[in-house]
């Protein structure tokens, strides 16, 4: 497969707006105009219920994991240097995250915040560090009931987990740093609500991540 075609496929896979489709199919609504307006699993949970949210979460993770896991081996039969598969997986996974945030199928508007898709990417390329940050996410949400805070702290913890496991001289560490910045940037409205004490907790009505 051509590397360019693989890049396009990665972006297109990330662009599939599963939350948007769930809203349209299940209730005939545009989730960009309901709740937080975010096309993510939390808004699906608040608007459509638990099972649609679980489905969207898994699908959003899968569209990050598959390009990172499968496409490098379709592009290269034999790597030319160590970790070339990993480097390609990072690139294709990053394009899937960009597609999720700026989906071409919605004209680049109203995408999600990239947390689930990024988790899928790192499930494929760095599963042990991801397992660590999932514990961080679960603990923060269990204690505070803020999904947005759990998402941001998990993203911030990811480069530290990778540094502990593999060191800082790996491409996954650099990408994890960028993703942590990106996730915090996409949650800037949530940060404002957290500072004002207005961020709703999971399980209560209101808009959130």
N, C-alpha and C. Protein backbone atom coordinates (compact mmCIF):
# COMPACT_ATOMS: atom_id res chain seq x y z
N UNK A 1 0.84 -1.20 0.00
CA UNK A 1 0.00 0.00 0.00
C UNK A 1 0.88 1.25 0.00
N UNK A 2 0.45 2.26 -0.75
CA UNK A 2 1.16 3.52 -0.77
C UNK A 2 1.08 4.21 0.59
N UNK A 3 2.20 4.77 1.10
CA UNK A 3 2.15 5.50 2.36
C UNK A 3 1.15 6.65 2.34
N UNK A 4 1.01 7.29 1.18
CA UNK A 4 0.06 8.41 1.07
C UNK A 4 -1.37 7.90 1.23
N UNK A 5 -1.67 6.79 0.61
CA UNK A 5 -3.01 6.21 0.75
C UNK A 5 -3.26 5.83 2.20
N UNK A 6 -2.26 5.29 2.87
CA UNK A 6 -2.40 4.94 4.29
C UNK A 6 -2.67 6.18 5.14
N UNK A 7 -2.03 7.28 4.83
CA UNK A 7 -2.27 8.52 5.56
C UNK A 7 -3.70 9.00 5.36
N UNK A 8 -4.16 8.95 4.12
CA UNK A 8 -5.54 9.38 3.82
C UNK A 8 -6.54 8.47 4.54
N UNK A 9 -6.30 7.16 4.50
CA UNK A 9 -7.20 6.22 5.17
C UNK A 9 -7.24 6.46 6.67
N UNK A 10 -6.10 6.79 7.26
CA UNK A 10 -6.05 7.06 8.69
C UNK A 10 -6.90 8.26 9.05
N UNK A 11 -6.75 9.33 8.28
CA UNK A 11 -7.55 10.53 8.54
C UNK A 11 -9.03 10.25 8.33
N UNK A 12 -9.37 9.53 7.27
CA UNK A 12 -10.77 9.22 7.00
C UNK A 12 -11.37 8.35 8.09
N UNK A 13 -10.60 7.38 8.58
CA UNK A 13 -11.08 6.53 9.67
C UNK A 13 -11.38 7.37 10.91
N UNK A 14 -10.46 8.27 11.24
CA UNK A 14 -10.68 9.14 12.39
C UNK A 14 -11.85 10.07 12.21
N UNK A 15 -12.17 10.39 10.95
CA UNK A 15 -13.23 11.35 10.67
C UNK A 15 -14.63 10.78 10.82
N UNK A 16 -14.76 9.46 10.92
CA UNK A 16 -16.09 8.87 11.04
C UNK A 16 -16.71 9.32 12.38
N UNK A 17 -17.78 10.11 12.37
CA UNK A 17 -18.33 10.71 13.60
C UNK A 17 -19.36 9.80 14.27
N UNK A 18 -18.87 8.80 15.00
CA UNK A 18 -19.78 7.81 15.57
C UNK A 18 -20.79 8.43 16.53
N UNK A 19 -20.38 9.43 17.30
CA UNK A 19 -21.32 10.07 18.22
C UNK A 19 -22.42 10.79 17.44
N UNK A 20 -22.04 11.47 16.39
CA UNK A 20 -23.02 12.15 15.55
C UNK A 20 -24.01 11.15 14.95
N UNK A 21 -23.48 10.03 14.45
CA UNK A 21 -24.33 9.02 13.85
C UNK A 21 -25.27 8.41 14.89
N UNK A 22 -24.77 8.20 16.11
CA UNK A 22 -25.61 7.64 17.16
C UNK A 22 -26.77 8.57 17.48
N UNK A 23 -26.49 9.86 17.56
CA UNK A 23 -27.56 10.82 17.83
C UNK A 23 -28.61 10.84 16.73
N UNK A 24 -28.15 10.81 15.50
CA UNK A 24 -29.09 10.82 14.37
C UNK A 24 -29.91 9.55 14.31
N UNK A 25 -29.25 8.40 14.50
CA UNK A 25 -29.94 7.13 14.35
C UNK A 25 -30.89 6.83 15.50
N UNK A 26 -30.49 7.19 16.73
CA UNK A 26 -31.28 6.79 17.89
C UNK A 26 -32.36 7.81 18.27
N UNK A 27 -32.07 9.09 18.07
CA UNK A 27 -33.06 10.09 18.47
C UNK A 27 -33.32 11.15 17.41
N UNK A 28 -32.65 11.04 16.28
CA UNK A 28 -32.85 12.03 15.23
C UNK A 28 -32.35 13.41 15.59
N UNK A 29 -31.31 13.49 16.43
CA UNK A 29 -30.79 14.77 16.88
C UNK A 29 -29.33 14.92 16.48
N UNK A 30 -28.90 16.17 16.45
CA UNK A 30 -27.49 16.50 16.20
C UNK A 30 -26.86 16.78 17.55
N UNK A 31 -25.99 15.90 18.01
CA UNK A 31 -25.40 16.05 19.33
C UNK A 31 -24.54 17.31 19.46
N UNK A 32 -24.20 17.93 18.34
CA UNK A 32 -23.46 19.19 18.41
C UNK A 32 -24.33 20.33 18.93
N UNK A 33 -25.65 20.10 18.97
CA UNK A 33 -26.57 21.14 19.44
C UNK A 33 -27.23 20.75 20.77
N UNK A 34 -26.77 19.65 21.37
CA UNK A 34 -27.38 19.14 22.60
C UNK A 34 -26.31 18.98 23.67
N UNK A 35 -26.66 19.27 24.93
CA UNK A 35 -25.72 19.09 26.03
C UNK A 35 -24.50 19.97 25.86
N UNK A 36 -23.33 19.35 25.93
CA UNK A 36 -22.09 20.11 25.78
C UNK A 36 -21.80 20.47 24.33
N UNK A 37 -22.51 19.82 23.39
CA UNK A 37 -22.23 20.05 21.98
C UNK A 37 -21.03 19.28 21.48
N UNK A 38 -20.46 18.45 22.33
CA UNK A 38 -19.26 17.70 21.96
C UNK A 38 -19.63 16.32 21.44
N UNK A 39 -18.96 15.89 20.38
CA UNK A 39 -19.20 14.56 19.83
C UNK A 39 -18.28 13.56 20.51
N UNK A 40 -18.56 13.32 21.78
CA UNK A 40 -17.79 12.37 22.56
C UNK A 40 -18.70 11.48 23.38
N UNK A 41 -18.10 10.46 24.01
CA UNK A 41 -18.89 9.45 24.73
C UNK A 41 -19.63 10.04 25.92
N UNK A 42 -19.06 11.06 26.58
CA UNK A 42 -19.73 11.61 27.75
C UNK A 42 -21.03 12.31 27.36
N UNK A 43 -20.99 13.08 26.29
CA UNK A 43 -22.22 13.73 25.83
C UNK A 43 -23.23 12.70 25.33
N UNK A 44 -22.74 11.62 24.72
CA UNK A 44 -23.63 10.54 24.31
C UNK A 44 -24.29 9.92 25.54
N UNK A 45 -23.50 9.72 26.58
CA UNK A 45 -24.04 9.13 27.82
C UNK A 45 -25.15 9.99 28.40
N UNK A 46 -24.91 11.28 28.47
CA UNK A 46 -25.91 12.18 29.06
C UNK A 46 -27.16 12.30 28.19
N UNK A 47 -26.99 12.16 26.89
CA UNK A 47 -28.11 12.40 25.97
C UNK A 47 -28.83 11.12 25.55
N UNK A 48 -28.05 10.06 25.31
CA UNK A 48 -28.63 8.84 24.75
C UNK A 48 -28.63 7.66 25.71
N UNK A 49 -27.79 7.70 26.74
CA UNK A 49 -27.75 6.60 27.69
C UNK A 49 -26.43 5.86 27.70
N UNK A 50 -26.35 4.87 28.59
CA UNK A 50 -25.08 4.20 28.85
C UNK A 50 -24.60 3.33 27.69
N UNK A 51 -25.49 2.49 27.14
CA UNK A 51 -25.04 1.56 26.11
C UNK A 51 -24.60 2.27 24.83
N UNK A 52 -25.33 3.27 24.35
CA UNK A 52 -24.80 4.01 23.20
C UNK A 52 -23.46 4.67 23.51
N UNK A 53 -23.28 5.15 24.74
CA UNK A 53 -22.00 5.78 25.11
C UNK A 53 -20.87 4.77 25.08
N UNK A 54 -21.11 3.56 25.59
CA UNK A 54 -20.08 2.52 25.56
C UNK A 54 -19.73 2.16 24.13
N UNK A 55 -20.75 2.04 23.29
CA UNK A 55 -20.51 1.71 21.88
C UNK A 55 -19.69 2.79 21.19
N UNK A 56 -20.04 4.06 21.41
CA UNK A 56 -19.31 5.16 20.79
C UNK A 56 -17.88 5.20 21.32
N UNK A 57 -17.70 4.98 22.61
CA UNK A 57 -16.36 4.98 23.20
C UNK A 57 -15.48 3.92 22.54
N UNK A 58 -16.01 2.72 22.40
CA UNK A 58 -15.22 1.63 21.81
C UNK A 58 -14.94 1.88 20.33
N UNK A 59 -15.93 2.39 19.62
CA UNK A 59 -15.73 2.68 18.20
C UNK A 59 -14.72 3.80 17.99
N UNK A 60 -14.80 4.85 18.82
CA UNK A 60 -13.83 5.94 18.71
C UNK A 60 -12.42 5.46 19.02
N UNK A 61 -12.29 4.54 19.98
CA UNK A 61 -10.97 3.98 20.28
C UNK A 61 -10.48 3.10 19.14
N UNK A 62 -11.39 2.32 18.57
CA UNK A 62 -11.01 1.41 17.49
C UNK A 62 -10.52 2.16 16.26
N UNK A 63 -11.14 3.31 15.96
CA UNK A 63 -10.71 4.03 14.75
C UNK A 63 -9.34 4.67 14.95
N UNK A 64 -8.85 4.73 16.17
CA UNK A 64 -7.46 5.12 16.41
C UNK A 64 -6.52 3.94 16.42
N UNK A 65 -7.00 2.81 16.98
CA UNK A 65 -6.13 1.64 17.13
C UNK A 65 -5.84 0.97 15.80
N UNK A 66 -6.84 0.82 14.95
CA UNK A 66 -6.64 0.05 13.72
C UNK A 66 -5.62 0.68 12.77
N UNK A 67 -5.70 2.00 12.49
CA UNK A 67 -4.66 2.56 11.61
C UNK A 67 -3.25 2.41 12.19
N UNK A 68 -3.12 2.60 13.51
CA UNK A 68 -1.80 2.50 14.14
C UNK A 68 -1.27 1.07 14.13
N UNK A 69 -2.18 0.11 14.23
CA UNK A 69 -1.77 -1.28 14.34
C UNK A 69 -1.60 -1.96 12.99
N UNK A 70 -2.51 -1.72 12.05
CA UNK A 70 -2.54 -2.49 10.81
C UNK A 70 -1.81 -1.84 9.65
N UNK A 71 -1.97 -0.52 9.49
CA UNK A 71 -1.46 0.12 8.28
C UNK A 71 0.06 0.05 8.13
N UNK A 72 0.86 0.17 9.22
CA UNK A 72 2.31 0.08 9.01
C UNK A 72 2.73 -1.23 8.34
N UNK A 73 2.06 -2.32 8.66
CA UNK A 73 2.42 -3.61 8.08
C UNK A 73 1.89 -3.79 6.67
N UNK A 74 0.92 -2.99 6.29
CA UNK A 74 0.45 -3.00 4.91
C UNK A 74 1.33 -2.12 4.02
N UNK A 75 1.93 -1.11 4.62
CA UNK A 75 2.81 -0.21 3.87
C UNK A 75 4.19 -0.83 3.69
N UNK A 76 4.70 -1.49 4.76
CA UNK A 76 6.04 -2.07 4.73
C UNK A 76 5.97 -3.56 5.03
N UNK A 77 6.57 -4.36 4.19
CA UNK A 77 6.68 -5.78 4.50
C UNK A 77 7.88 -6.04 5.40
N UNK A 78 8.95 -5.28 5.19
CA UNK A 78 10.16 -5.42 6.01
C UNK A 78 10.64 -4.03 6.42
N UNK A 79 10.70 -3.73 7.72
CA UNK A 79 11.16 -2.41 8.15
C UNK A 79 12.63 -2.19 7.80
N UNK A 80 12.96 -0.95 7.47
CA UNK A 80 14.33 -0.62 7.09
C UNK A 80 15.20 -0.30 8.30
N UNK A 81 14.59 0.03 9.43
CA UNK A 81 15.35 0.31 10.65
C UNK A 81 14.48 -0.06 11.85
N UNK A 82 15.09 -0.28 13.01
CA UNK A 82 14.31 -0.65 14.19
C UNK A 82 13.25 0.40 14.52
N UNK A 83 12.11 -0.07 14.96
CA UNK A 83 11.00 0.78 15.38
C UNK A 83 10.35 1.54 14.23
N UNK A 84 10.60 1.13 12.99
CA UNK A 84 9.94 1.83 11.87
C UNK A 84 8.44 1.59 11.89
N UNK A 85 8.03 0.38 12.25
CA UNK A 85 6.60 0.12 12.39
C UNK A 85 5.99 1.04 13.45
N UNK A 86 6.71 1.22 14.55
CA UNK A 86 6.22 2.07 15.62
C UNK A 86 6.08 3.51 15.14
N UNK A 87 7.09 4.02 14.42
CA UNK A 87 7.04 5.39 13.93
C UNK A 87 5.87 5.59 12.97
N UNK A 88 5.66 4.62 12.09
CA UNK A 88 4.53 4.73 11.17
C UNK A 88 3.20 4.63 11.92
N UNK A 89 3.15 3.76 12.93
CA UNK A 89 1.93 3.64 13.73
C UNK A 89 1.59 4.94 14.42
N UNK A 90 2.61 5.61 14.94
CA UNK A 90 2.40 6.91 15.58
C UNK A 90 1.85 7.91 14.56
N UNK A 91 2.43 7.94 13.37
CA UNK A 91 1.98 8.89 12.35
C UNK A 91 0.54 8.63 11.94
N UNK A 92 0.22 7.38 11.66
CA UNK A 92 -1.14 7.06 11.22
C UNK A 92 -2.14 7.26 12.35
N UNK A 93 -1.74 6.93 13.57
CA UNK A 93 -2.62 7.16 14.70
C UNK A 93 -2.88 8.63 14.94
N UNK A 94 -1.84 9.45 14.78
CA UNK A 94 -1.99 10.89 14.94
C UNK A 94 -2.95 11.45 13.91
N UNK A 95 -2.87 10.97 12.68
CA UNK A 95 -3.80 11.42 11.65
C UNK A 95 -5.24 11.03 11.98
N UNK A 96 -5.42 9.87 12.60
CA UNK A 96 -6.76 9.47 13.02
C UNK A 96 -7.29 10.40 14.10
N UNK A 97 -6.43 10.81 15.02
CA UNK A 97 -6.84 11.76 16.07
C UNK A 97 -7.23 13.10 15.45
N UNK A 98 -6.44 13.55 14.48
CA UNK A 98 -6.77 14.80 13.79
C UNK A 98 -8.11 14.67 13.07
N UNK A 99 -8.35 13.52 12.46
CA UNK A 99 -9.63 13.30 11.80
C UNK A 99 -10.78 13.35 12.77
N UNK A 100 -10.59 12.80 13.96
CA UNK A 100 -11.64 12.83 14.98
C UNK A 100 -11.94 14.27 15.41
N UNK A 101 -10.90 15.07 15.56
CA UNK A 101 -11.09 16.45 15.99
C UNK A 101 -11.62 17.34 14.87
N UNK A 102 -11.19 17.07 13.64
CA UNK A 102 -11.61 17.86 12.49
C UNK A 102 -12.12 16.93 11.39
N UNK A 103 -13.31 16.34 11.59
CA UNK A 103 -13.78 15.32 10.65
C UNK A 103 -14.22 15.89 9.31
N UNK A 104 -13.67 15.35 8.26
CA UNK A 104 -14.03 15.82 6.92
C UNK A 104 -15.50 15.55 6.62
N UNK A 105 -16.07 14.51 7.21
CA UNK A 105 -17.46 14.17 6.94
C UNK A 105 -18.43 15.17 7.58
N UNK A 106 -17.93 16.00 8.48
CA UNK A 106 -18.73 17.10 9.05
C UNK A 106 -18.12 18.43 8.65
N UNK A 107 -17.40 18.43 7.53
CA UNK A 107 -16.78 19.65 7.00
C UNK A 107 -15.80 20.27 7.98
N UNK A 108 -15.14 19.42 8.77
CA UNK A 108 -14.10 19.88 9.68
C UNK A 108 -14.61 20.59 10.91
N UNK A 109 -15.92 20.52 11.17
CA UNK A 109 -16.48 21.25 12.31
C UNK A 109 -17.15 20.30 13.29
N UNK A 110 -17.05 20.62 14.58
CA UNK A 110 -17.80 19.90 15.58
C UNK A 110 -17.26 18.53 15.92
N UNK A 111 -15.98 18.29 15.75
CA UNK A 111 -15.41 16.99 16.11
C UNK A 111 -15.29 16.81 17.61
N UNK A 112 -14.81 15.65 18.01
CA UNK A 112 -14.62 15.36 19.42
C UNK A 112 -13.30 15.88 19.94
N UNK A 113 -13.03 15.57 21.20
CA UNK A 113 -11.83 16.09 21.86
C UNK A 113 -10.63 15.15 21.78
N UNK A 114 -10.82 13.98 21.20
CA UNK A 114 -9.69 13.12 20.86
C UNK A 114 -9.24 12.15 21.93
N UNK A 115 -9.90 12.13 23.08
CA UNK A 115 -9.41 11.31 24.19
C UNK A 115 -9.54 9.82 23.86
N UNK A 116 -10.73 9.38 23.46
CA UNK A 116 -10.94 7.96 23.19
C UNK A 116 -10.10 7.49 22.00
N UNK A 117 -10.01 8.32 20.96
CA UNK A 117 -9.23 7.94 19.78
C UNK A 117 -7.74 7.85 20.13
N UNK A 118 -7.26 8.79 20.93
CA UNK A 118 -5.86 8.73 21.38
C UNK A 118 -5.62 7.50 22.23
N UNK A 119 -6.58 7.14 23.06
CA UNK A 119 -6.45 5.93 23.88
C UNK A 119 -6.33 4.70 22.98
N UNK A 120 -7.10 4.67 21.91
CA UNK A 120 -7.00 3.56 20.98
C UNK A 120 -5.64 3.48 20.31
N UNK A 121 -5.11 4.63 19.93
CA UNK A 121 -3.77 4.66 19.32
C UNK A 121 -2.74 4.08 20.27
N UNK A 122 -2.76 4.53 21.52
CA UNK A 122 -1.74 4.07 22.47
C UNK A 122 -2.00 2.65 22.96
N UNK A 123 -3.25 2.18 22.84
CA UNK A 123 -3.51 0.77 23.10
C UNK A 123 -2.76 -0.09 22.10
N UNK A 124 -2.61 0.44 20.88
CA UNK A 124 -1.91 -0.30 19.83
C UNK A 124 -0.40 -0.18 19.94
N UNK A 125 0.10 1.00 20.32
CA UNK A 125 1.56 1.22 20.25
C UNK A 125 2.25 1.24 21.61
N UNK A 126 1.50 1.45 22.70
CA UNK A 126 2.10 1.52 24.04
C UNK A 126 1.08 1.05 25.08
N UNK A 127 0.72 -0.24 25.05
CA UNK A 127 -0.38 -0.71 25.90
C UNK A 127 -0.12 -0.61 27.40
N UNK A 128 1.12 -0.84 27.85
CA UNK A 128 1.39 -0.79 29.28
C UNK A 128 1.26 0.63 29.82
N UNK A 129 1.88 1.65 29.21
CA UNK A 129 1.64 3.02 29.67
C UNK A 129 0.16 3.41 29.62
N UNK A 130 -0.54 2.95 28.59
CA UNK A 130 -1.96 3.27 28.52
C UNK A 130 -2.71 2.66 29.70
N UNK A 131 -2.38 1.43 30.07
CA UNK A 131 -3.05 0.80 31.21
C UNK A 131 -2.85 1.61 32.48
N UNK A 132 -1.66 2.19 32.63
CA UNK A 132 -1.38 3.01 33.81
C UNK A 132 -2.27 4.25 33.82
N UNK A 133 -2.37 4.92 32.68
CA UNK A 133 -3.16 6.16 32.66
C UNK A 133 -4.65 5.88 32.75
N UNK A 134 -5.09 4.70 32.31
CA UNK A 134 -6.49 4.35 32.50
C UNK A 134 -6.82 4.22 33.98
N UNK A 135 -5.88 3.73 34.76
CA UNK A 135 -6.06 3.67 36.22
C UNK A 135 -6.17 5.09 36.78
N UNK A 136 -5.32 5.98 36.28
CA UNK A 136 -5.38 7.39 36.71
C UNK A 136 -6.74 7.98 36.38
N UNK A 137 -7.19 7.76 35.15
CA UNK A 137 -8.49 8.28 34.73
C UNK A 137 -9.61 7.75 35.62
N UNK A 138 -9.63 6.43 35.83
CA UNK A 138 -10.70 5.83 36.63
C UNK A 138 -10.68 6.35 38.06
N UNK A 139 -9.48 6.52 38.63
CA UNK A 139 -9.39 6.99 40.01
C UNK A 139 -9.87 8.43 40.13
N UNK A 140 -9.47 9.29 39.20
CA UNK A 140 -9.88 10.70 39.26
C UNK A 140 -11.39 10.83 39.10
N UNK A 141 -11.96 10.10 38.14
CA UNK A 141 -13.41 10.17 37.92
C UNK A 141 -14.17 9.60 39.12
N UNK A 142 -13.65 8.51 39.69
CA UNK A 142 -14.32 7.91 40.84
C UNK A 142 -14.32 8.86 42.04
N UNK A 143 -13.24 9.61 42.21
CA UNK A 143 -13.13 10.50 43.37
C UNK A 143 -13.86 11.81 43.15
N UNK A 144 -13.69 12.40 41.95
CA UNK A 144 -14.22 13.75 41.71
C UNK A 144 -15.53 13.76 40.94
N UNK A 145 -15.81 12.71 40.18
CA UNK A 145 -16.97 12.62 39.28
C UNK A 145 -16.86 13.59 38.10
N UNK A 146 -15.66 14.09 37.83
CA UNK A 146 -15.43 14.96 36.68
C UNK A 146 -14.75 14.15 35.58
N UNK A 147 -15.45 13.85 34.50
CA UNK A 147 -14.84 13.13 33.38
C UNK A 147 -13.77 13.99 32.71
N UNK A 148 -14.05 15.27 32.58
CA UNK A 148 -13.09 16.17 31.92
C UNK A 148 -11.78 16.22 32.68
N UNK A 149 -11.84 16.30 34.00
CA UNK A 149 -10.61 16.34 34.81
C UNK A 149 -9.86 15.02 34.69
N UNK A 150 -10.60 13.90 34.72
CA UNK A 150 -9.95 12.61 34.55
C UNK A 150 -9.27 12.49 33.20
N UNK A 151 -9.91 13.01 32.15
CA UNK A 151 -9.33 12.95 30.80
C UNK A 151 -8.04 13.75 30.73
N UNK A 152 -8.05 14.95 31.28
CA UNK A 152 -6.86 15.80 31.22
C UNK A 152 -5.72 15.24 32.05
N UNK A 153 -6.00 14.78 33.26
CA UNK A 153 -4.93 14.25 34.10
C UNK A 153 -4.38 12.95 33.52
N UNK A 154 -5.24 12.15 32.91
CA UNK A 154 -4.75 10.93 32.25
C UNK A 154 -3.84 11.28 31.08
N UNK A 155 -4.23 12.29 30.29
CA UNK A 155 -3.39 12.71 29.17
C UNK A 155 -2.05 13.24 29.65
N UNK A 156 -2.07 13.99 30.74
CA UNK A 156 -0.82 14.52 31.30
C UNK A 156 0.05 13.40 31.85
N UNK A 157 -0.59 12.36 32.41
CA UNK A 157 0.16 11.24 32.97
C UNK A 157 0.80 10.36 31.90
N UNK A 158 0.25 10.38 30.69
CA UNK A 158 0.73 9.47 29.65
C UNK A 158 2.22 9.63 29.33
N UNK A 159 2.73 10.84 29.06
CA UNK A 159 4.17 10.92 28.79
C UNK A 159 5.04 10.47 29.95
N UNK A 160 4.57 10.68 31.19
CA UNK A 160 5.33 10.21 32.35
C UNK A 160 5.35 8.68 32.39
N UNK A 161 4.22 8.06 32.05
CA UNK A 161 4.16 6.60 32.04
C UNK A 161 5.07 6.04 30.96
N UNK A 162 5.10 6.70 29.79
CA UNK A 162 5.98 6.25 28.71
C UNK A 162 7.44 6.45 29.09
N UNK A 163 7.75 7.58 29.73
CA UNK A 163 9.13 7.82 30.16
C UNK A 163 9.58 6.76 31.17
N UNK A 164 8.70 6.38 32.07
CA UNK A 164 9.03 5.35 33.06
C UNK A 164 9.26 4.00 32.38
N UNK A 165 8.44 3.70 31.36
CA UNK A 165 8.51 2.39 30.72
C UNK A 165 9.60 2.32 29.67
N UNK A 166 9.73 3.36 28.84
CA UNK A 166 10.61 3.28 27.67
C UNK A 166 11.67 4.38 27.60
N UNK A 167 11.63 5.33 28.54
CA UNK A 167 12.56 6.45 28.47
C UNK A 167 11.98 7.60 27.65
N UNK A 168 12.74 8.67 27.54
CA UNK A 168 12.26 9.86 26.84
C UNK A 168 12.76 9.94 25.41
N UNK A 169 13.66 9.07 25.02
CA UNK A 169 14.20 9.12 23.66
C UNK A 169 13.46 8.17 22.73
N UNK A 170 12.16 8.22 22.81
CA UNK A 170 11.32 7.42 21.92
C UNK A 170 10.26 8.34 21.35
N UNK A 171 9.81 8.01 20.14
CA UNK A 171 8.86 8.88 19.46
C UNK A 171 7.53 8.91 20.20
N UNK A 172 7.19 7.83 20.90
CA UNK A 172 5.92 7.80 21.62
C UNK A 172 5.89 8.83 22.75
N UNK A 173 7.04 9.10 23.35
CA UNK A 173 7.09 10.11 24.42
C UNK A 173 6.80 11.49 23.86
N UNK A 174 7.42 11.81 22.74
CA UNK A 174 7.21 13.12 22.13
C UNK A 174 5.76 13.30 21.71
N UNK A 175 5.19 12.28 21.10
CA UNK A 175 3.80 12.37 20.67
C UNK A 175 2.87 12.46 21.87
N UNK A 176 3.18 11.72 22.93
CA UNK A 176 2.35 11.79 24.14
C UNK A 176 2.35 13.19 24.74
N UNK A 177 3.48 13.87 24.70
CA UNK A 177 3.54 15.26 25.17
C UNK A 177 2.62 16.14 24.34
N UNK A 178 2.68 15.99 23.03
CA UNK A 178 1.82 16.80 22.15
C UNK A 178 0.34 16.49 22.39
N UNK A 179 0.04 15.22 22.59
CA UNK A 179 -1.35 14.84 22.83
C UNK A 179 -1.85 15.40 24.15
N UNK A 180 -0.99 15.41 25.18
CA UNK A 180 -1.38 15.99 26.46
C UNK A 180 -1.73 17.47 26.30
N UNK A 181 -0.92 18.19 25.53
CA UNK A 181 -1.21 19.61 25.27
C UNK A 181 -2.50 19.74 24.48
N UNK A 182 -2.67 18.89 23.47
CA UNK A 182 -3.86 18.94 22.62
C UNK A 182 -5.13 18.66 23.44
N UNK A 183 -5.09 17.64 24.29
CA UNK A 183 -6.27 17.29 25.09
C UNK A 183 -6.63 18.43 26.04
N UNK A 184 -5.62 19.01 26.67
CA UNK A 184 -5.90 20.15 27.57
C UNK A 184 -6.47 21.33 26.79
N UNK A 185 -5.96 21.55 25.58
CA UNK A 185 -6.48 22.66 24.76
C UNK A 185 -7.93 22.41 24.37
N UNK A 186 -8.27 21.19 23.98
CA UNK A 186 -9.65 20.90 23.60
C UNK A 186 -10.59 20.95 24.80
N UNK A 187 -10.04 20.87 26.00
CA UNK A 187 -10.85 20.96 27.22
C UNK A 187 -10.79 22.35 27.86
N UNK A 188 -10.40 23.36 27.10
CA UNK A 188 -10.23 24.68 27.71
C UNK A 188 -11.54 25.23 28.27
N UNK A 189 -12.67 24.91 27.61
CA UNK A 189 -13.96 25.36 28.16
C UNK A 189 -14.25 24.65 29.48
N UNK A 190 -13.89 23.37 29.55
CA UNK A 190 -14.08 22.62 30.79
C UNK A 190 -13.21 23.18 31.91
N UNK A 191 -11.99 23.59 31.55
CA UNK A 191 -11.10 24.18 32.56
C UNK A 191 -11.73 25.43 33.14
N UNK A 192 -12.32 26.25 32.26
CA UNK A 192 -13.00 27.45 32.75
C UNK A 192 -14.14 27.12 33.68
N UNK A 193 -14.94 26.10 33.34
CA UNK A 193 -16.05 25.72 34.21
C UNK A 193 -15.57 25.12 35.52
N UNK A 194 -14.47 24.36 35.46
CA UNK A 194 -13.91 23.82 36.70
C UNK A 194 -13.45 24.94 37.63
N UNK A 195 -12.81 25.94 37.07
CA UNK A 195 -12.33 27.06 37.89
C UNK A 195 -13.48 27.85 38.50
N UNK A 196 -14.59 27.93 37.78
CA UNK A 196 -15.75 28.67 38.29
C UNK A 196 -16.67 27.81 39.14
N UNK A 197 -16.36 26.53 39.26
CA UNK A 197 -17.22 25.63 40.01
C UNK A 197 -18.50 25.30 39.29
N UNK A 198 -18.51 25.37 37.96
CA UNK A 198 -19.72 25.15 37.17
C UNK A 198 -19.69 23.85 36.38
N UNK A 199 -18.61 23.11 36.45
CA UNK A 199 -18.51 21.88 35.67
C UNK A 199 -19.40 20.80 36.28
N UNK A 200 -20.38 20.27 35.51
CA UNK A 200 -21.23 19.20 36.04
C UNK A 200 -20.45 17.92 36.29
N UNK A 201 -20.87 17.18 37.27
CA UNK A 201 -20.26 15.89 37.56
C UNK A 201 -21.02 14.80 36.84
N UNK A 202 -20.33 13.71 36.55
CA UNK A 202 -20.95 12.60 35.85
C UNK A 202 -22.09 12.05 36.70
N UNK A 203 -23.20 11.72 36.02
CA UNK A 203 -24.36 11.22 36.73
C UNK A 203 -25.35 12.30 37.11
N UNK A 204 -24.99 13.58 36.82
CA UNK A 204 -25.91 14.68 37.07
C UNK A 204 -26.22 15.38 35.76
N UNK A 205 -27.38 16.04 35.65
CA UNK A 205 -27.73 16.70 34.40
C UNK A 205 -26.80 17.87 34.12
N UNK A 206 -26.65 18.18 32.83
CA UNK A 206 -25.84 19.35 32.44
C UNK A 206 -24.82 18.98 31.40
N UNK A 207 -24.19 19.97 30.87
CA UNK A 207 -23.21 19.74 29.81
C UNK A 207 -21.85 19.49 30.40
N UNK A 208 -21.12 18.61 29.76
CA UNK A 208 -19.77 18.32 30.21
C UNK A 208 -18.93 17.90 29.03
N UNK A 209 -17.79 17.23 29.34
CA UNK A 209 -16.89 16.81 28.28
C UNK A 209 -17.54 15.82 27.34
